[in-house]
C-alpha atoms as a PDB file:
ATOM      1  CA  MET A   1     -22.812 -25.672 -14.880  1.00  0.00           C
ATOM      2  CA  ASN A   2     -26.009 -23.665 -14.940  1.00  0.00           C
ATOM      3  CA  ALA A   3     -28.753 -25.695 -16.590  1.00  0.00           C
ATOM      4  CA  THR A   4     -31.963 -24.270 -17.919  1.00  0.00           C
ATOM      5  CA  PRO A   5     -34.594 -24.912 -15.249  1.00  0.00           C
ATOM      6  CA  VAL A   6     -37.552 -27.125 -15.973  1.00  0.00           C
ATOM      7  CA  ALA A   7     -40.937 -25.530 -15.324  1.00  0.00           C
ATOM      8  CA  GLY A   8     -41.383 -25.168 -11.597  1.00  0.00           C
ATOM      9  CA  GLU A   9     -37.651 -25.489 -10.730  1.00  0.00           C
ATOM     10  CA  GLN A  10     -35.387 -22.673  -9.680  1.00  0.00           C
ATOM     11  CA  ALA A  11     -32.125 -22.032 -11.467  1.00  0.00           C
ATOM     12  CA  GLU A  12     -29.062 -22.448  -9.275  1.00  0.00           C
ATOM     13  CA  THR A  13     -26.149 -20.090  -9.598  1.00  0.00           C
ATOM     14  CA  ALA A  14     -22.745 -20.341  -8.081  1.00  0.00           C
ATOM     15  CA  GLU A  15     -20.772 -17.254  -7.208  1.00  0.00           C
ATOM     16  CA  VAL A  16     -17.167 -17.205  -6.095  1.00  0.00           C
ATOM     17  CA  ILE A  17     -16.346 -14.313  -3.845  1.00  0.00           C
ATOM     18  CA  ALA A  18     -12.717 -13.260  -3.853  1.00  0.00           C
ATOM     19  CA  GLU A  19     -10.975 -13.345  -0.527  1.00  0.00           C
ATOM     20  CA  VAL A  20      -9.932  -9.878   0.546  1.00  0.00           C
ATOM     21  CA  ARG A  21      -7.302  -9.545   3.250  1.00  0.00           C
ATOM     22  CA  VAL A  22      -6.825  -6.213   4.996  1.00  0.00           C
ATOM     23  CA  PHE A  23      -4.290  -5.170   7.611  1.00  0.00           C
ATOM     24  CA  VAL A  24      -4.520  -1.728   9.225  1.00  0.00           C
ATOM     25  CA  GLN A  25      -2.118  -0.348  11.812  1.00  0.00           C
ATOM     26  CA  ARG A  26      -1.548   3.102  13.210  1.00  0.00           C
ATOM     27  CA  PHE A  27       2.067   3.924  13.940  1.00  0.00           C
ATOM     28  CA  SER A  28       3.810   6.776  15.690  1.00  0.00           C
ATOM     29  CA  SER A  29       5.160   9.461  13.393  1.00  0.00           C
ATOM     30  CA  THR A  30       8.723   8.590  14.322  1.00  0.00           C
ATOM     31  CA  PRO A  31      11.474   6.575  12.635  1.00  0.00           C
ATOM     32  CA  ARG A  32      10.808   3.792  15.151  1.00  0.00           C
ATOM     33  CA  GLY A  33       7.128   3.809  14.199  1.00  0.00           C
ATOM     34  CA  ALA A  34       7.955   3.635  10.480  1.00  0.00           C
ATOM     35  CA  SER A  35      10.275   0.694  11.099  1.00  0.00           C
ATOM     36  CA  ALA A  36       7.586  -1.098  13.106  1.00  0.00           C
ATOM     37  CA  ALA A  37       5.075  -0.535  10.295  1.00  0.00           C
ATOM     38  CA  ARG A  38       7.459  -2.156   7.808  1.00  0.00           C
ATOM     39  CA  ARG A  39       8.096  -5.164  10.066  1.00  0.00           C
ATOM     40  CA  GLU A  40       4.389  -5.687  10.767  1.00  0.00           C
ATOM     41  CA  ALA A  41       3.469  -5.417   7.075  1.00  0.00           C
ATOM     42  CA  MET A  42       6.045  -8.049   6.168  1.00  0.00           C
ATOM     43  CA  ALA A  43       4.880 -10.375   8.937  1.00  0.00           C
ATOM     44  CA  ARG A  44       1.306 -10.003   7.704  1.00  0.00           C
ATOM     45  CA  LEU A  45       2.259 -10.747   4.079  1.00  0.00           C
ATOM     46  CA  ALA A  46       4.060 -13.891   5.219  1.00  0.00           C
ATOM     47  CA  ARG A  47       0.898 -15.009   7.091  1.00  0.00           C
ATOM     48  CA  TRP A  48      -1.086 -14.375   3.924  1.00  0.00           C
ATOM     49  CA  GLY A  49       1.179 -16.688   1.955  1.00  0.00           C
ATOM     50  CA  VAL A  50       3.359 -14.156   0.101  1.00  0.00           C
ATOM     51  CA  PRO A  51       6.810 -15.777   0.355  1.00  0.00           C
ATOM     52  CA  ARG A  52       9.355 -13.579   2.147  1.00  0.00           C
ATOM     53  CA  GLU A  53      11.992 -14.305  -0.519  1.00  0.00           C
ATOM     54  CA  SER A  54       9.692 -13.402  -3.422  1.00  0.00           C
ATOM     55  CA  SER A  55      10.216 -10.311  -5.539  1.00  0.00           C
ATOM     56  CA  ALA A  56       6.683  -9.236  -4.570  1.00  0.00           C
ATOM     57  CA  ALA A  57       7.556  -9.264  -0.867  1.00  0.00           C
ATOM     58  CA  GLU A  58      10.854  -7.479  -1.490  1.00  0.00           C
ATOM     59  CA  SER A  59       9.127  -4.766  -3.533  1.00  0.00           C
ATOM     60  CA  ALA A  60       6.381  -4.432  -0.933  1.00  0.00           C
ATOM     61  CA  GLU A  61       8.936  -4.068   1.840  1.00  0.00           C
ATOM     62  CA  LEU A  62      10.740  -1.255   0.037  1.00  0.00           C
ATOM     63  CA  ILE A  63       7.479   0.509  -0.790  1.00  0.00           C
ATOM     64  CA  VAL A  64       6.221   0.310   2.803  1.00  0.00           C
ATOM     65  CA  ALA A  65       9.601   1.524   4.086  1.00  0.00           C
ATOM     66  CA  GLU A  66       9.658   4.506   1.712  1.00  0.00           C
ATOM     67  CA  LEU A  67       6.045   5.550   2.231  1.00  0.00           C
ATOM     68  CA  ALA A  68       6.284   5.201   6.014  1.00  0.00           C
ATOM     69  CA  ALA A  69       9.592   7.107   6.096  1.00  0.00           C
ATOM     70  CA  ASN A  70       8.065   9.879   3.994  1.00  0.00           C
ATOM     71  CA  ALA A  71       5.054  10.056   6.315  1.00  0.00           C
ATOM     72  CA  VAL A  72       7.223  10.536   9.399  1.00  0.00           C
ATOM     73  CA  THR A  73       9.644  12.893   7.658  1.00  0.00           C
ATOM     74  CA  HIS A  74       7.338  15.100   5.603  1.00  0.00           C
ATOM     75  CA  GLY A  75       3.866  14.405   6.993  1.00  0.00           C
ATOM     76  CA  ARG A  76       4.519  14.454  10.719  1.00  0.00           C
ATOM     77  CA  VAL A  77       2.294  16.460  13.021  1.00  0.00           C
ATOM     78  CA  ALA A  78       3.323  16.256  16.680  1.00  0.00           C
ATOM     79  CA  GLY A  79       1.022  14.006  18.661  1.00  0.00           C
ATOM     80  CA  ARG A  80      -0.680  12.465  15.643  1.00  0.00           C
ATOM     81  CA  ASP A  81      -0.103   8.976  14.299  1.00  0.00           C
ATOM     82  CA  ALA A  82       0.214   7.830  10.703  1.00  0.00           C
ATOM     83  CA  GLU A  83      -1.640   4.808   9.355  1.00  0.00           C
ATOM     84  CA  LEU A  84      -0.597   1.840   7.253  1.00  0.00           C
ATOM     85  CA  ARG A  85      -3.197  -0.153   5.330  1.00  0.00           C
ATOM     86  CA  VAL A  86      -2.220  -3.251   3.341  1.00  0.00           C
ATOM     87  CA  THR A  87      -4.877  -4.922   1.217  1.00  0.00           C
ATOM     88  CA  LEU A  88      -4.450  -8.170  -0.685  1.00  0.00           C
ATOM     89  CA  VAL A  89      -7.087  -9.190  -3.199  1.00  0.00           C
ATOM     90  CA  PRO A  90      -6.468 -11.930  -5.738  1.00  0.00           C
ATOM     91  CA  GLY A  91      -3.787 -10.597  -8.050  1.00  0.00           C
ATOM     92  CA  THR A  92      -3.185  -7.205  -6.404  1.00  0.00           C
ATOM     93  CA  LEU A  93      -1.418  -5.898  -3.313  1.00  0.00           C
ATOM     94  CA  ARG A  94      -2.246  -2.336  -2.290  1.00  0.00           C
ATOM     95  CA  ILE A  95      -0.159  -0.409   0.230  1.00  0.00           C
ATOM     96  CA  GLU A  96      -1.504   2.862   1.649  1.00  0.00           C
ATOM     97  CA  VAL A  97       0.161   5.207   4.101  1.00  0.00           C
ATOM     98  CA  THR A  98      -1.842   8.111   5.488  1.00  0.00           C
ATOM     99  CA  ASP A  99      -0.312  11.001   7.377  1.00  0.00           C
ATOM    100  CA  THR A 100      -1.923  14.035   8.984  1.00  0.00           C
ATOM    101  CA  ARG A 101      -0.289  16.863   7.062  1.00  0.00           C
ATOM    102  CA  ALA A 102      -2.361  17.896   4.046  1.00  0.00           C
ATOM    103  CA  GLU A 103      -0.321  20.929   3.039  1.00  0.00           C
ATOM    104  CA  ARG A 104       2.866  18.955   2.282  1.00  0.00           C
ATOM    105  CA  ARG A 105       1.734  16.986  -0.741  1.00  0.00           C
ATOM    106  CA  PRO A 106       4.312  15.207  -2.909  1.00  0.00           C
ATOM    107  CA  PRO A 107       4.229  15.541  -6.700  1.00  0.00           C
ATOM    108  CA  ASP A 108       1.863  13.299  -8.610  1.00  0.00           C
ATOM    109  CA  PRO A 109       3.131  10.251 -10.539  1.00  0.00           C
ATOM    110  CA  GLY A 110       5.125  11.260 -13.589  1.00  0.00           C
ATOM    111  CA  HIS A 111       5.960  14.683 -12.115  1.00  0.00           C
ATOM    112  CA  LEU A 112       8.800  13.797  -9.751  1.00  0.00           C
ATOM    113  CA  ALA A 113      11.849  16.027  -9.931  1.00  0.00           C
ATOM    114  CA  ASP A 114      15.293  14.473 -10.034  1.00  0.00           C
ATOM    115  CA  ALA A 115      17.206  14.745  -6.771  1.00  0.00           C
ATOM    116  CA  PRO A 116      20.533  16.567  -6.992  1.00  0.00           C
ATOM    117  CA  ALA A 117      23.387  14.130  -7.629  1.00  0.00           C
ATOM    118  CA  LEU A 118      24.920  14.472  -4.157  1.00  0.00           C
ATOM    119  CA  ALA A 119      21.673  14.811  -2.198  1.00  0.00           C
ATOM    120  CA  GLU A 120      21.208  12.371   0.669  1.00  0.00           C
ATOM    121  CA  SER A 121      17.449  12.190   0.154  1.00  0.00           C
ATOM    122  CA  GLY A 122      14.792  12.843  -2.448  1.00  0.00           C
ATOM    123  CA  ARG A 123      14.723   9.505  -4.249  1.00  0.00           C
ATOM    124  CA  GLY A 124      12.120   7.567  -2.269  1.00  0.00           C
ATOM    125  CA  LEU A 125       9.124   8.208  -4.497  1.00  0.00           C
ATOM    126  CA  ARG A 126      11.275   7.464  -7.545  1.00  0.00           C
ATOM    127  CA  LEU A 127      11.849   4.045  -6.003  1.00  0.00           C
ATOM    128  CA  VAL A 128       8.113   3.641  -5.367  1.00  0.00           C
ATOM    129  CA  GLU A 129       7.400   4.680  -8.956  1.00  0.00           C
ATOM    130  CA  ALA A 130       9.916   2.132 -10.264  1.00  0.00           C
ATOM    131  CA  LEU A 131       8.625  -0.759  -8.139  1.00  0.00           C
ATOM    132  CA  ALA A 132       4.867  -0.178  -8.165  1.00  0.00           C
ATOM    133  CA  ASP A 133       2.565  -0.923 -11.056  1.00  0.00           C
ATOM    134  CA  ARG A 134       0.473   2.102 -10.013  1.00  0.00           C
ATOM    135  CA  TRP A 135       0.702   4.777  -7.343  1.00  0.00           C
ATOM    136  CA  GLU A 136      -1.053   7.989  -6.467  1.00  0.00           C
ATOM    137  CA  VAL A 137      -1.442  10.714  -3.875  1.00  0.00           C
ATOM    138  CA  ARG A 138      -4.928  11.344  -2.523  1.00  0.00           C
ATOM    139  CA  GLY A 139      -5.617  14.348  -0.296  1.00  0.00           C
ATOM    140  CA  HIS A 140      -7.870  14.407   2.740  1.00  0.00           C
ATOM    141  CA  PRO A 141      -7.950  18.142   3.546  1.00  0.00           C
ATOM    142  CA  PRO A 142      -7.762  19.453   6.145  1.00  0.00           C
ATOM    143  CA  VAL A 143      -6.576  16.342   7.986  1.00  0.00           C
ATOM    144  CA  GLY A 144      -3.967  14.753   5.763  1.00  0.00           C
ATOM    145  CA  LYS A 145      -3.155  12.729   2.689  1.00  0.00           C
ATOM    146  CA  THR A 146      -2.717   9.145   1.588  1.00  0.00           C
ATOM    147  CA  VAL A 147      -0.026   7.864  -0.735  1.00  0.00           C
ATOM    148  CA  TRP A 148      -0.872   4.457  -2.156  1.00  0.00           C
ATOM    149  CA  ALA A 149       0.928   2.017  -4.388  1.00  0.00           C
ATOM    150  CA  GLU A 150      -0.219  -1.218  -6.011  1.00  0.00           C
ATOM    151  CA  LEU A 151       1.681  -4.280  -7.101  1.00  0.00           C
ATOM    152  CA  ASP A 152       0.204  -6.725  -9.578  1.00  0.00           C
ATOM    153  CA  LEU A 153       0.667 -10.244  -8.216  1.00  0.00           C
ATOM    154  CA  PRO A 154      -0.433 -12.705 -10.864  1.00  0.00           C
ATOM    155  CA  GLY A 155      -0.947 -16.110  -9.365  1.00  0.00           C
ATOM    156  CA  VAL A 156      -1.334 -14.842  -5.780  1.00  0.00           C
ATOM    157  CA  ARG A 157      -4.714 -15.725  -4.391  1.00  0.00           C
END
């Protein structure tokens, strides 16, 4: 509804700024810490209006669980915490887990090896790749790396 201003009047503009929600939590690099990160992320999503029973929340829960478990299993440095960051902007949920071990970097998207048929582990990032619309590994040498994943959430404001 911007009208052309008459001489001497100022044009008015309206700008809608998207609401950005961010949750950041450090967690101990232990299985208990990873579990707490998952629980806290899900509680935060519920407060932000992402229904617990929705496929978005279920996918987010699995992604947080896998990334946090990987951080405490493969990225653990004694005495250093990992960090979970969950960001919700209209239409997109981004999950980031940062650990403190830069030298143990997982393969990039599209380059994951298949786990042996009887292996008890090695499928977590495959799950992340299947659930996420995008994911990536970003290094922070010499202090660590971040693995992030995004879910497209049409209709979520």
